[in-house]
């Protein structure tokens, strides 16, 4: 989670720098785009990890003999 927040902050900082330094904006906007892709990759990794986790199921309750 910290890495995701850091990547978003870096993207924002690059966009701000692009507005303050228009002669080098192409470089900062390209770097912001790189950070944006990193953010999307981190979100995707988190989504995959959450969906692969096996849920802990409660122990099976024995059924009465007549219901099997």
C-alpha atoms as a PDB file:
ATOM      1  CA  UNK A   1       0.000   0.000   0.000  1.00  0.00           C
ATOM      2  CA  UNK A   2       2.850   2.375   0.794  1.00  0.00           C
ATOM      3  CA  UNK A   3       4.356   1.719  -2.617  1.00  0.00           C
ATOM      4  CA  UNK A   4       1.049   2.567  -4.290  1.00  0.00           C
ATOM      5  CA  UNK A   5       0.805   5.866  -2.401  1.00  0.00           C
ATOM      6  CA  UNK A   6       4.394   6.707  -3.253  1.00  0.00           C
ATOM      7  CA  UNK A   7       3.862   5.982  -6.951  1.00  0.00           C
ATOM      8  CA  UNK A   8       0.755   8.200  -7.040  1.00  0.00           C
ATOM      9  CA  UNK A   9       2.661  10.983  -5.282  1.00  0.00           C
ATOM     10  CA  UNK A  10       5.508  10.703  -7.795  1.00  0.00           C
ATOM     11  CA  UNK A  11       3.066  10.873 -10.704  1.00  0.00           C
ATOM     12  CA  UNK A  12       1.487  13.996  -9.238  1.00  0.00           C
ATOM     13  CA  UNK A  13       4.861  15.604  -8.580  1.00  0.00           C
ATOM     14  CA  UNK A  14       5.972  14.986 -12.166  1.00  0.00           C
ATOM     15  CA  UNK A  15       2.806  16.604 -13.506  1.00  0.00           C
ATOM     16  CA  UNK A  16       3.342  19.614 -11.245  1.00  0.00           C
ATOM     17  CA  UNK A  17       6.944  19.965 -12.373  1.00  0.00           C
ATOM     18  CA  UNK A  18       5.775  19.845 -15.985  1.00  0.00           C
ATOM     19  CA  UNK A  19       3.528  22.841 -15.338  1.00  0.00           C
ATOM     20  CA  UNK A  20       6.347  24.817 -13.681  1.00  0.00           C
ATOM     21  CA  UNK A  21       8.970  23.981 -16.314  1.00  0.00           C
ATOM     22  CA  UNK A  22       7.221  24.096 -19.703  1.00  0.00           C
ATOM     23  CA  UNK A  23      10.480  23.760 -21.668  1.00  0.00           C
ATOM     24  CA  UNK A  24      11.049  20.348 -20.064  1.00  0.00           C
ATOM     25  CA  UNK A  25       7.397  19.365 -19.725  1.00  0.00           C
ATOM     26  CA  UNK A  26       7.740  16.529 -22.238  1.00  0.00           C
ATOM     27  CA  UNK A  27      10.259  14.828 -19.957  1.00  0.00           C
ATOM     28  CA  UNK A  28       8.187  15.241 -16.792  1.00  0.00           C
ATOM     29  CA  UNK A  29       4.971  14.162 -18.503  1.00  0.00           C
ATOM     30  CA  UNK A  30       6.705  11.043 -19.806  1.00  0.00           C
ATOM     31  CA  UNK A  31       7.911  10.262 -16.297  1.00  0.00           C
ATOM     32  CA  UNK A  32       4.398  10.863 -14.927  1.00  0.00           C
ATOM     33  CA  UNK A  33       3.059   8.384 -17.466  1.00  0.00           C
ATOM     34  CA  UNK A  34       5.623   5.840 -16.304  1.00  0.00           C
ATOM     35  CA  UNK A  35       4.459   6.294 -12.699  1.00  0.00           C
ATOM     36  CA  UNK A  36       0.822   5.996 -13.807  1.00  0.00           C
ATOM     37  CA  UNK A  37       1.581   2.614 -15.391  1.00  0.00           C
ATOM     38  CA  UNK A  38       3.386   1.568 -12.216  1.00  0.00           C
ATOM     39  CA  UNK A  39       0.275   2.462 -10.204  1.00  0.00           C
ATOM     40  CA  UNK A  40      -1.914   0.406 -12.524  1.00  0.00           C
ATOM     41  CA  UNK A  41       0.492  -2.530 -12.254  1.00  0.00           C
ATOM     42  CA  UNK A  42       0.420  -2.337  -8.452  1.00  0.00           C
ATOM     43  CA  UNK A  43      -3.382  -2.266  -8.432  1.00  0.00           C
ATOM     44  CA  UNK A  44      -3.466  -5.257 -10.777  1.00  0.00           C
ATOM     45  CA  UNK A  45      -0.970  -7.177  -8.619  1.00  0.00           C
ATOM     46  CA  UNK A  46      -3.057  -6.477  -5.521  1.00  0.00           C
ATOM     47  CA  UNK A  47      -6.239  -7.578  -7.277  1.00  0.00           C
ATOM     48  CA  UNK A  48      -4.658 -10.836  -8.440  1.00  0.00           C
ATOM     49  CA  UNK A  49      -3.197 -11.530  -4.995  1.00  0.00           C
ATOM     50  CA  UNK A  50      -6.548 -10.948  -3.295  1.00  0.00           C
ATOM     51  CA  UNK A  51      -8.385 -13.211  -5.721  1.00  0.00           C
ATOM     52  CA  UNK A  52      -5.854 -16.034  -5.402  1.00  0.00           C
ATOM     53  CA  UNK A  53      -6.035 -16.181  -1.634  1.00  0.00           C
ATOM     54  CA  UNK A  54      -7.897 -19.253  -0.534  1.00  0.00           C
ATOM     55  CA  UNK A  55     -10.732 -18.465   1.838  1.00  0.00           C
ATOM     56  CA  UNK A  56     -10.659 -20.202   5.175  1.00  0.00           C
ATOM     57  CA  UNK A  57     -13.696 -22.418   5.304  1.00  0.00           C
ATOM     58  CA  UNK A  58     -15.183 -23.533   8.577  1.00  0.00           C
ATOM     59  CA  UNK A  59     -14.703 -27.203   9.424  1.00  0.00           C
ATOM     60  CA  UNK A  60     -17.326 -29.415   7.904  1.00  0.00           C
ATOM     61  CA  UNK A  61     -20.160 -30.193  10.249  1.00  0.00           C
ATOM     62  CA  UNK A  62     -20.993 -33.906  10.335  1.00  0.00           C
ATOM     63  CA  UNK A  63     -24.442 -34.619   8.926  1.00  0.00           C
ATOM     64  CA  UNK A  64     -26.901 -37.012  10.447  1.00  0.00           C
ATOM     65  CA  UNK A  65     -26.833 -40.483   8.874  1.00  0.00           C
ATOM     66  CA  UNK A  66     -30.203 -40.197   7.179  1.00  0.00           C
ATOM     67  CA  UNK A  67     -29.349 -37.037   5.141  1.00  0.00           C
ATOM     68  CA  UNK A  68     -26.414 -38.345   3.133  1.00  0.00           C
END
